[in-house]
Amino acid sequence: MRSAEEELELVVAAANATEEARMKLTLYRSDNEDFALFRRSAMRQCGELTVALALGNKIPAETLKYFGEWVSDRSGGVGDHFREFIRSVERATGKTTGLYWPEALEA
């Protein structure tokens, strides 16, 4: 059993390692107020995914569904940012989300 301090260290390390990809996603079109809800939702779900993988917990079904809907977005769109973030979290934690998409969409 890990202590709270050890768990915090794992989460912070994963968050630091994924900062660039997370910022691209959560600040998407930050100059446009119409995207405020999108950015808030993305920020929450990025946190859920990062914490779950960093601690080796099951990813919440709502989070998997949220990311699953976005990873199939066309190449050259916001889906690129989702795919990049997912891969960065997987690299940082050494764990997989189980989310996949066609190679043609790979950034």
Protein backbone atom coordinates (compact mmCIF):
# COMPACT_ATOMS: atom_id res chain seq x y z
CA MET A 1 0.00 0.00 0.00
CA ARG A 2 1.39 3.39 -1.00
CA SER A 3 1.30 6.38 1.24
CA ALA A 4 -0.58 9.52 0.22
CA GLU A 5 2.77 11.22 -0.40
CA GLU A 6 3.88 8.45 -2.77
CA GLU A 7 0.60 8.64 -4.66
CA LEU A 8 0.90 12.40 -4.93
CA GLU A 9 4.42 12.01 -6.33
CA LEU A 10 3.19 9.56 -8.98
CA VAL A 11 0.36 11.86 -10.07
CA VAL A 12 2.55 14.97 -10.12
CA ALA A 13 5.22 13.17 -12.15
CA ALA A 14 2.62 12.05 -14.72
CA ALA A 15 1.06 15.52 -14.85
CA ASN A 16 4.46 17.15 -15.35
CA ALA A 17 5.40 14.69 -18.10
CA THR A 18 2.16 15.35 -19.98
CA GLU A 19 1.96 19.10 -19.47
CA GLU A 20 2.62 20.14 -23.07
CA ALA A 21 0.08 17.74 -24.58
CA ARG A 22 -2.49 18.57 -21.88
CA MET A 23 -2.11 22.31 -22.47
CA LYS A 24 -2.61 21.94 -26.22
CA LEU A 25 -5.86 20.17 -25.49
CA THR A 26 -7.21 22.15 -22.56
CA LEU A 27 -6.31 25.52 -24.09
CA TYR A 28 -7.70 24.63 -27.51
CA ARG A 29 -8.97 27.83 -29.11
CA SER A 30 -8.57 29.74 -25.86
CA ASP A 31 -9.34 32.97 -27.68
CA ASN A 32 -12.91 31.82 -28.29
CA GLU A 33 -15.40 31.91 -25.41
CA ASP A 34 -17.67 29.45 -27.24
CA PHE A 35 -15.15 26.73 -26.40
CA ALA A 36 -15.12 27.39 -22.65
CA LEU A 37 -17.30 24.36 -21.80
CA PHE A 38 -15.21 22.16 -24.08
CA ARG A 39 -12.00 23.29 -22.38
CA ARG A 40 -13.46 22.75 -18.90
CA SER A 41 -14.64 19.25 -19.79
CA ALA A 42 -11.29 18.41 -21.37
CA MET A 43 -9.45 19.63 -18.28
CA ARG A 44 -11.57 17.47 -15.97
CA GLN A 45 -11.27 14.36 -18.10
CA CYS A 46 -7.50 14.83 -18.57
CA GLY A 47 -7.19 14.90 -14.79
CA GLU A 48 -9.31 11.77 -14.38
CA LEU A 49 -7.25 9.88 -16.96
CA THR A 50 -3.91 11.01 -15.56
CA VAL A 51 -4.76 10.11 -11.98
CA ALA A 52 -6.22 6.72 -12.90
CA LEU A 53 -3.21 5.66 -14.96
CA ALA A 54 -0.62 7.13 -12.58
CA LEU A 55 -2.10 5.20 -9.66
CA GLY A 56 -2.92 2.07 -11.65
CA ASN A 57 -6.65 2.46 -11.01
CA LYS A 58 -9.47 1.59 -13.35
CA ILE A 59 -10.27 4.46 -15.71
CA PRO A 60 -13.81 5.72 -15.04
CA ALA A 61 -16.28 4.61 -17.73
CA GLU A 62 -17.34 8.22 -18.32
CA THR A 63 -13.71 9.20 -19.00
CA LEU A 64 -13.16 6.30 -21.41
CA LYS A 65 -16.35 7.20 -23.25
CA TYR A 66 -15.35 10.88 -23.45
CA PHE A 67 -11.92 10.14 -24.90
CA GLY A 68 -13.28 7.35 -27.09
CA GLU A 69 -15.59 9.81 -28.81
CA TRP A 70 -12.82 12.31 -29.52
CA VAL A 71 -9.99 10.03 -30.68
CA SER A 72 -11.87 9.20 -33.87
CA ASP A 73 -12.05 12.90 -34.84
CA ARG A 74 -10.49 13.64 -38.21
CA SER A 75 -6.79 14.20 -38.67
CA GLY A 76 -5.85 17.86 -38.50
CA GLY A 77 -8.59 18.57 -35.95
CA VAL A 78 -8.94 18.55 -32.20
CA GLY A 79 -8.73 14.76 -32.27
CA ASP A 80 -5.00 15.13 -32.89
CA HIS A 81 -4.66 16.80 -29.50
CA PHE A 82 -6.68 14.05 -27.81
CA ARG A 83 -4.58 11.32 -29.40
CA GLU A 84 -1.35 13.13 -28.50
CA PHE A 85 -2.47 13.55 -24.89
CA ILE A 86 -3.48 9.89 -24.54
CA ARG A 87 -0.16 8.68 -25.89
CA SER A 88 1.75 11.06 -23.61
CA VAL A 89 -0.08 9.76 -20.51
CA GLU A 90 0.53 6.19 -21.58
CA ARG A 91 4.26 6.89 -22.05
CA ALA A 92 4.51 8.76 -18.74
CA THR A 93 2.81 6.04 -16.72
CA GLY A 94 3.83 2.93 -18.64
CA LYS A 95 0.16 1.90 -18.70
CA THR A 96 -2.37 1.71 -21.51
CA THR A 97 -5.80 3.25 -21.77
CA GLY A 98 -6.99 0.57 -24.17
CA LEU A 99 -8.05 3.31 -26.60
CA TYR A 100 -7.04 2.82 -30.22
CA TRP A 101 -7.71 4.55 -33.51
CA PRO A 102 -6.84 3.97 -37.17
CA GLU A 103 -3.19 4.58 -38.09
CA ALA A 104 -4.39 7.09 -40.67
CA LEU A 105 -5.36 9.38 -37.77
CA GLU A 106 -2.05 9.04 -35.94
CA ALA A 107 -0.43 12.47 -35.62
